[in-house]
Amino acid sequence: MEEIRKLNLENETLKVELQLKGKKDEEIAHLKQQLEKHQKDNLQFKSDQVGYVYSFCFVIYLKYQKQENNNN
């Protein structure tokens, strides 16, 4: 009888551990998803920044060219 009680207790313990592992796995998957989204958003942001810097430099270049043409 004592052996059955110990086995039942062990079984319940294993069930709880399995549930916790499942929750951890779900949480890890969710965190990985969030990380991928943030990485993608960050890449898009950096790409946009490069575009803005390029556009800004081009505007400065055109302004400089206009000044050069006006001086000549």
PDB file of N, CA and C in Angstrom:
ATOM      1  N   MET A   1       0.822  -1.192   0.000  1.00  0.00           N
ATOM      2  CA  MET A   1       0.000   0.000   0.000  1.00  0.00           C
ATOM      3  C   MET A   1       0.872   1.264   0.000  1.00  0.00           C
ATOM      4  N   GLU A   2       1.905   1.230   0.806  1.00  0.00           N
ATOM      5  CA  GLU A   2       2.839   2.362   0.880  1.00  0.00           C
ATOM      6  C   GLU A   2       3.533   2.566  -0.467  1.00  0.00           C
ATOM      7  N   GLU A   3       3.881   1.475  -1.111  1.00  0.00           N
ATOM      8  CA  GLU A   3       4.551   1.542  -2.417  1.00  0.00           C
ATOM      9  C   GLU A   3       3.636   2.192  -3.451  1.00  0.00           C
ATOM     10  N   ILE A   4       2.363   1.864  -3.433  1.00  0.00           N
ATOM     11  CA  ILE A   4       1.393   2.455  -4.371  1.00  0.00           C
ATOM     12  C   ILE A   4       1.269   3.954  -4.118  1.00  0.00           C
ATOM     13  N   ARG A   5       1.226   4.348  -2.862  1.00  0.00           N
ATOM     14  CA  ARG A   5       1.140   5.771  -2.514  1.00  0.00           C
ATOM     15  C   ARG A   5       2.373   6.524  -3.017  1.00  0.00           C
ATOM     16  N   LYS A   6       3.549   5.935  -2.853  1.00  0.00           N
ATOM     17  CA  LYS A   6       4.786   6.558  -3.332  1.00  0.00           C
ATOM     18  C   LYS A   6       4.776   6.684  -4.851  1.00  0.00           C
ATOM     19  N   LEU A   7       4.306   5.630  -5.524  1.00  0.00           N
ATOM     20  CA  LEU A   7       4.250   5.662  -6.987  1.00  0.00           C
ATOM     21  C   LEU A   7       3.252   6.716  -7.476  1.00  0.00           C
ATOM     22  N   ASN A   8       2.117   6.817  -6.794  1.00  0.00           N
ATOM     23  CA  ASN A   8       1.130   7.838  -7.161  1.00  0.00           C
ATOM     24  C   ASN A   8       1.694   9.243  -6.970  1.00  0.00           C
ATOM     25  N   LEU A   9       2.394   9.433  -5.865  1.00  0.00           N
ATOM     26  CA  LEU A   9       3.011  10.728  -5.593  1.00  0.00           C
ATOM     27  C   LEU A   9       4.065  11.057  -6.652  1.00  0.00           C
ATOM     28  N   GLU A  10       4.865  10.075  -6.987  1.00  0.00           N
ATOM     29  CA  GLU A  10       5.883  10.261  -8.020  1.00  0.00           C
ATOM     30  C   GLU A  10       5.226  10.569  -9.359  1.00  0.00           C
ATOM     31  N   ASN A  11       4.144   9.875  -9.660  1.00  0.00           N
ATOM     32  CA  ASN A  11       3.407  10.100 -10.903  1.00  0.00           C
ATOM     33  C   ASN A  11       2.870  11.534 -10.962  1.00  0.00           C
ATOM     34  N   GLU A  12       2.286  11.998  -9.855  1.00  0.00           N
ATOM     35  CA  GLU A  12       1.761  13.367  -9.808  1.00  0.00           C
ATOM     36  C   GLU A  12       2.889  14.387  -9.952  1.00  0.00           C
ATOM     37  N   THR A  13       4.010  14.103  -9.320  1.00  0.00           N
ATOM     38  CA  THR A  13       5.172  14.992  -9.427  1.00  0.00           C
ATOM     39  C   THR A  13       5.642  15.085 -10.873  1.00  0.00           C
ATOM     40  N   LEU A  14       5.715  13.954 -11.545  1.00  0.00           N
ATOM     41  CA  LEU A  14       6.136  13.937 -12.947  1.00  0.00           C
ATOM     42  C   LEU A  14       5.143  14.683 -13.837  1.00  0.00           C
ATOM     43  N   LYS A  15       3.858  14.550 -13.545  1.00  0.00           N
ATOM     44  CA  LYS A  15       2.840  15.278 -14.321  1.00  0.00           C
ATOM     45  C   LYS A  15       3.032  16.786 -14.188  1.00  0.00           C
ATOM     46  N   VAL A  16       3.267  17.236 -12.948  1.00  0.00           N
ATOM     47  CA  VAL A  16       3.467  18.668 -12.709  1.00  0.00           C
ATOM     48  C   VAL A  16       4.734  19.147 -13.416  1.00  0.00           C
ATOM     49  N   GLU A  17       5.802  18.369 -13.323  1.00  0.00           N
ATOM     50  CA  GLU A  17       7.053  18.739 -13.992  1.00  0.00           C
ATOM     51  C   GLU A  17       6.854  18.822 -15.499  1.00  0.00           C
ATOM     52  N   LEU A  18       6.090  17.895 -16.051  1.00  0.00           N
ATOM     53  CA  LEU A  18       5.814  17.893 -17.487  1.00  0.00           C
ATOM     54  C   LEU A  18       5.000  19.128 -17.885  1.00  0.00           C
ATOM     55  N   GLN A  19       4.025  19.488 -17.065  1.00  0.00           N
ATOM     56  CA  GLN A  19       3.234  20.690 -17.334  1.00  0.00           C
ATOM     57  C   GLN A  19       4.111  21.939 -17.302  1.00  0.00           C
ATOM     58  N   LEU A  20       4.997  22.005 -16.307  1.00  0.00           N
ATOM     59  CA  LEU A  20       5.896  23.153 -16.201  1.00  0.00           C
ATOM     60  C   LEU A  20       6.830  23.230 -17.401  1.00  0.00           C
ATOM     61  N   LYS A  21       7.316  22.076 -17.832  1.00  0.00           N
ATOM     62  CA  LYS A  21       8.193  22.046 -19.003  1.00  0.00           C
ATOM     63  C   LYS A  21       7.436  22.523 -20.229  1.00  0.00           C
ATOM     64  N   GLY A  22       6.187  22.078 -20.364  1.00  0.00           N
ATOM     65  CA  GLY A  22       5.364  22.519 -21.491  1.00  0.00           C
ATOM     66  C   GLY A  22       5.165  24.023 -21.486  1.00  0.00           C
ATOM     67  N   LYS A  23       4.915  24.580 -20.303  1.00  0.00           N
ATOM     68  CA  LYS A  23       4.743  26.030 -20.191  1.00  0.00           C
ATOM     69  C   LYS A  23       6.038  26.752 -20.526  1.00  0.00           C
ATOM     70  N   LYS A  24       7.163  26.208 -20.061  1.00  0.00           N
ATOM     71  CA  LYS A  24       8.455  26.820 -20.369  1.00  0.00           C
ATOM     72  C   LYS A  24       8.709  26.781 -21.868  1.00  0.00           C
ATOM     73  N   ASP A  25       8.403  25.639 -22.501  1.00  0.00           N
ATOM     74  CA  ASP A  25       8.594  25.514 -23.947  1.00  0.00           C
ATOM     75  C   ASP A  25       7.737  26.531 -24.701  1.00  0.00           C
ATOM     76  N   GLU A  26       6.492  26.717 -24.248  1.00  0.00           N
ATOM     77  CA  GLU A  26       5.609  27.708 -24.871  1.00  0.00           C
ATOM     78  C   GLU A  26       6.175  29.112 -24.691  1.00  0.00           C
ATOM     79  N   GLU A  27       6.652  29.392 -23.487  1.00  0.00           N
ATOM     80  CA  GLU A  27       7.206  30.715 -23.208  1.00  0.00           C
ATOM     81  C   GLU A  27       8.453  30.965 -24.049  1.00  0.00           C
ATOM     82  N   ILE A  28       9.302  29.960 -24.175  1.00  0.00           N
ATOM     83  CA  ILE A  28      10.508  30.092 -24.992  1.00  0.00           C
ATOM     84  C   ILE A  28      10.134  30.340 -26.446  1.00  0.00           C
ATOM     85  N   ALA A  29       9.156  29.598 -26.951  1.00  0.00           N
ATOM     86  CA  ALA A  29       8.714  29.790 -28.336  1.00  0.00           C
ATOM     87  C   ALA A  29       8.174  31.203 -28.533  1.00  0.00           C
ATOM     88  N   HIS A  30       7.406  31.683 -27.561  1.00  0.00           N
ATOM     89  CA  HIS A  30       6.847  33.039 -27.645  1.00  0.00           C
ATOM     90  C   HIS A  30       7.969  34.080 -27.624  1.00  0.00           C
ATOM     91  N   LEU A  31       8.949  33.887 -26.745  1.00  0.00           N
ATOM     92  CA  LEU A  31      10.067  34.827 -26.662  1.00  0.00           C
ATOM     93  C   LEU A  31      10.895  34.817 -27.947  1.00  0.00           C
ATOM     94  N   LYS A  32      11.068  33.640 -28.539  1.00  0.00           N
ATOM     95  CA  LYS A  32      11.790  33.561 -29.815  1.00  0.00           C
ATOM     96  C   LYS A  32      11.043  34.314 -30.903  1.00  0.00           C
ATOM     97  N   GLN A  33       9.719  34.175 -30.906  1.00  0.00           N
ATOM     98  CA  GLN A  33       8.891  34.885 -31.878  1.00  0.00           C
ATOM     99  C   GLN A  33       9.038  36.395 -31.705  1.00  0.00           C
ATOM    100  N   GLN A  34       8.992  36.842 -30.457  1.00  0.00           N
ATOM    101  CA  GLN A  34       9.144  38.273 -30.183  1.00  0.00           C
ATOM    102  C   GLN A  34      10.521  38.763 -30.614  1.00  0.00           C
ATOM    103  N   LEU A  35      11.546  37.974 -30.328  1.00  0.00           N
ATOM    104  CA  LEU A  35      12.906  38.344 -30.707  1.00  0.00           C
ATOM    105  C   LEU A  35      13.023  38.483 -32.221  1.00  0.00           C
ATOM    106  N   GLU A  36      12.473  37.517 -32.964  1.00  0.00           N
ATOM    107  CA  GLU A  36      12.517  37.578 -34.423  1.00  0.00           C
ATOM    108  C   GLU A  36      11.801  38.822 -34.940  1.00  0.00           C
ATOM    109  N   LYS A  37      10.655  39.143 -34.342  1.00  0.00           N
ATOM    110  CA  LYS A  37       9.904  40.335 -34.758  1.00  0.00           C
ATOM    111  C   LYS A  37      10.717  41.597 -34.485  1.00  0.00           C
ATOM    112  N   HIS A  38      11.318  41.686 -33.298  1.00  0.00           N
ATOM    113  CA  HIS A  38      12.114  42.865 -32.960  1.00  0.00           C
ATOM    114  C   HIS A  38      13.341  42.979 -33.866  1.00  0.00           C
ATOM    115  N   GLN A  39      13.952  41.845 -34.193  1.00  0.00           N
ATOM    116  CA  GLN A  39      15.108  41.871 -35.091  1.00  0.00           C
ATOM    117  C   GLN A  39      14.695  42.355 -36.477  1.00  0.00           C
ATOM    118  N   LYS A  40      13.543  41.874 -36.945  1.00  0.00           N
ATOM    119  CA  LYS A  40      13.041  42.292 -38.252  1.00  0.00           C
ATOM    120  C   LYS A  40      12.706  43.784 -38.241  1.00  0.00           C
ATOM    121  N   ASP A  41      12.047  44.243 -37.171  1.00  0.00           N
ATOM    122  CA  ASP A  41      11.716  45.667 -37.048  1.00  0.00           C
ATOM    123  C   ASP A  41      12.982  46.515 -36.986  1.00  0.00           C
ATOM    124  N   ASN A  42      13.983  46.030 -36.255  1.00  0.00           N
ATOM    125  CA  ASN A  42      15.246  46.752 -36.131  1.00  0.00           C
ATOM    126  C   ASN A  42      15.949  46.848 -37.483  1.00  0.00           C
ATOM    127  N   LEU A  43      15.931  45.760 -38.236  1.00  0.00           N
ATOM    128  CA  LEU A  43      16.543  45.763 -39.561  1.00  0.00           C
ATOM    129  C   LEU A  43      15.836  46.757 -40.472  1.00  0.00           C
ATOM    130  N   GLN A  44      14.505  46.782 -40.413  1.00  0.00           N
ATOM    131  CA  GLN A  44      13.738  47.731 -41.223  1.00  0.00           C
ATOM    132  C   GLN A  44      14.068  49.160 -40.814  1.00  0.00           C
ATOM    133  N   PHE A  45      14.173  49.389 -39.507  1.00  0.00           N
ATOM    134  CA  PHE A  45      14.506  50.722 -39.001  1.00  0.00           C
ATOM    135  C   PHE A  45      15.878  51.164 -39.512  1.00  0.00           C
ATOM    136  N   LYS A  46      16.858  50.260 -39.437  1.00  0.00           N
ATOM    137  CA  LYS A  46      18.206  50.597 -39.905  1.00  0.00           C
ATOM    138  C   LYS A  46      18.205  50.854 -41.405  1.00  0.00           C
ATOM    139  N   SER A  47      17.444  50.061 -42.138  1.00  0.00           N
ATOM    140  CA  SER A  47      17.332  50.255 -43.578  1.00  0.00           C
ATOM    141  C   SER A  47      16.727  51.626 -43.882  1.00  0.00           C
ATOM    142  N   ASP A  48      15.695  51.989 -43.138  1.00  0.00           N
ATOM    143  CA  ASP A  48      15.077  53.307 -43.311  1.00  0.00           C
ATOM    144  C   ASP A  48      16.070  54.417 -42.991  1.00  0.00           C
ATOM    145  N   GLN A  49      16.854  54.221 -41.937  1.00  0.00           N
ATOM    146  CA  GLN A  49      17.852  55.230 -41.561  1.00  0.00           C
ATOM    147  C   GLN A  49      18.855  55.439 -42.692  1.00  0.00           C
ATOM    148  N   VAL A  50      19.313  54.356 -43.291  1.00  0.00           N
ATOM    149  CA  VAL A  50      20.267  54.458 -44.397  1.00  0.00           C
ATOM    150  C   VAL A  50      19.640  55.250 -45.539  1.00  0.00           C
ATOM    151  N   GLY A  51      18.376  54.960 -45.820  1.00  0.00           N
ATOM    152  CA  GLY A  51      17.678  55.696 -46.881  1.00  0.00           C
ATOM    153  C   GLY A  51      17.584  57.179 -46.576  1.00  0.00           C
ATOM    154  N   TYR A  52      17.279  57.519 -45.315  1.00  0.00           N
ATOM    155  CA  TYR A  52      17.172  58.928 -44.936  1.00  0.00           C
ATOM    156  C   TYR A  52      18.523  59.629 -45.036  1.00  0.00           C
ATOM    157  N   VAL A  53      19.571  58.969 -44.584  1.00  0.00           N
ATOM    158  CA  VAL A  53      20.910  59.564 -44.650  1.00  0.00           C
ATOM    159  C   VAL A  53      21.316  59.761 -46.107  1.00  0.00           C
ATOM    160  N   TYR A  54      21.052  58.769 -46.948  1.00  0.00           N
ATOM    161  CA  TYR A  54      21.371  58.889 -48.374  1.00  0.00           C
ATOM    162  C   TYR A  54      20.612  60.067 -48.981  1.00  0.00           C
ATOM    163  N   SER A  55      19.318  60.159 -48.680  1.00  0.00           N
ATOM    164  CA  SER A  55      18.501  61.257 -49.220  1.00  0.00           C
ATOM    165  C   SER A  55      19.022  62.606 -48.737  1.00  0.00           C
ATOM    166  N   PHE A  56      19.364  62.678 -47.460  1.00  0.00           N
ATOM    167  CA  PHE A  56      19.886  63.922 -46.902  1.00  0.00           C
ATOM    168  C   PHE A  56      21.189  64.317 -47.599  1.00  0.00           C
ATOM    169  N   CYS A  57      22.081  63.355 -47.767  1.00  0.00           N
ATOM    170  CA  CYS A  57      23.359  63.636 -48.435  1.00  0.00           C
ATOM    171  C   CYS A  57      23.132  64.078 -49.876  1.00  0.00           C
ATOM    172  N   PHE A  58      22.173  63.460 -50.540  1.00  0.00           N
ATOM    173  CA  PHE A  58      21.884  63.818 -51.926  1.00  0.00           C
ATOM    174  C   PHE A  58      21.336  65.245 -52.003  1.00  0.00           C
ATOM    175  N   VAL A  59      20.478  65.619 -51.064  1.00  0.00           N
ATOM    176  CA  VAL A  59      19.944  66.989 -51.033  1.00  0.00           C
ATOM    177  C   VAL A  59      21.080  67.983 -50.797  1.00  0.00           C
ATOM    178  N   ILE A  60      21.975  67.671 -49.891  1.00  0.00           N
ATOM    179  CA  ILE A  60      23.133  68.542 -49.638  1.00  0.00           C
ATOM    180  C   ILE A  60      23.981  68.654 -50.900  1.00  0.00           C
ATOM    181  N   TYR A  61      24.186  67.538 -51.576  1.00  0.00           N
ATOM    182  CA  TYR A  61      24.962  67.530 -52.822  1.00  0.00           C
ATOM    183  C   TYR A  61      24.297  68.423 -53.870  1.00  0.00           C
ATOM    184  N   LEU A  62      22.978  68.294 -54.032  1.00  0.00           N
ATOM    185  CA  LEU A  62      22.264  69.119 -55.010  1.00  0.00           C
ATOM    186  C   LEU A  62      22.348  70.598 -54.645  1.00  0.00           C
ATOM    187  N   LYS A  63      22.250  70.895 -53.358  1.00  0.00           N
ATOM    188  CA  LYS A  63      22.357  72.271 -52.895  1.00  0.00           C
ATOM    189  C   LYS A  63      23.747  72.825 -53.205  1.00  0.00           C
ATOM    190  N   TYR A  64      24.755  72.003 -52.968  1.00  0.00           N
ATOM    191  CA  TYR A  64      26.131  72.401 -53.262  1.00  0.00           C
ATOM    192  C   TYR A  64      26.305  72.634 -54.766  1.00  0.00           C
ATOM    193  N   GLN A  65      25.758  71.738 -55.572  1.00  0.00           N
ATOM    194  CA  GLN A  65      25.848  71.878 -57.032  1.00  0.00           C
ATOM    195  C   GLN A  65      25.168  73.163 -57.497  1.00  0.00           C
ATOM    196  N   LYS A  66      24.039  73.481 -56.907  1.00  0.00           N
ATOM    197  CA  LYS A  66      23.311  74.696 -57.273  1.00  0.00           C
ATOM    198  C   LYS A  66      24.139  75.926 -56.928  1.00  0.00           C
ATOM    199  N   GLN A  67      24.766  75.912 -55.756  1.00  0.00           N
ATOM    200  CA  GLN A  67      25.616  77.037 -55.357  1.00  0.00           C
ATOM    201  C   GLN A  67      26.799  77.180 -56.306  1.00  0.00           C
ATOM    202  N   GLU A  68      27.378  76.046 -56.695  1.00  0.00           N
ATOM    203  CA  GLU A  68      28.511  76.066 -57.623  1.00  0.00           C
ATOM    204  C   GLU A  68      28.088  76.651 -58.966  1.00  0.00           C
ATOM    205  N   ASN A  69      26.912  76.254 -59.433  1.00  0.00           N
ATOM    206  CA  ASN A  69      26.416  76.763 -60.718  1.00  0.00           C
ATOM    207  C   ASN A  69      26.105  78.256 -60.628  1.00  0.00           C
ATOM    208  N   ASN A  70      25.587  78.696 -59.494  1.00  0.00           N
ATOM    209  CA  ASN A  70      25.280  80.117 -59.314  1.00  0.00           C
ATOM    210  C   ASN A  70      26.551  80.954 -59.220  1.00  0.00           C
ATOM    211  N   ASN A  71      27.617  80.384 -58.689  1.00  0.00           N
ATOM    212  CA  ASN A  71      28.884  81.107 -58.560  1.00  0.00           C
ATOM    213  C   ASN A  71      29.615  81.202 -59.890  1.00  0.00           C
ATOM    214  N   ASN A  72      29.318  80.311 -60.806  1.00  0.00           N
ATOM    215  CA  ASN A  72      30.008  80.325 -62.112  1.00  0.00           C
ATOM    216  C   ASN A  72      29.234  81.093 -63.100  1.00  0.00           C
TER     217      ASN A  72
END
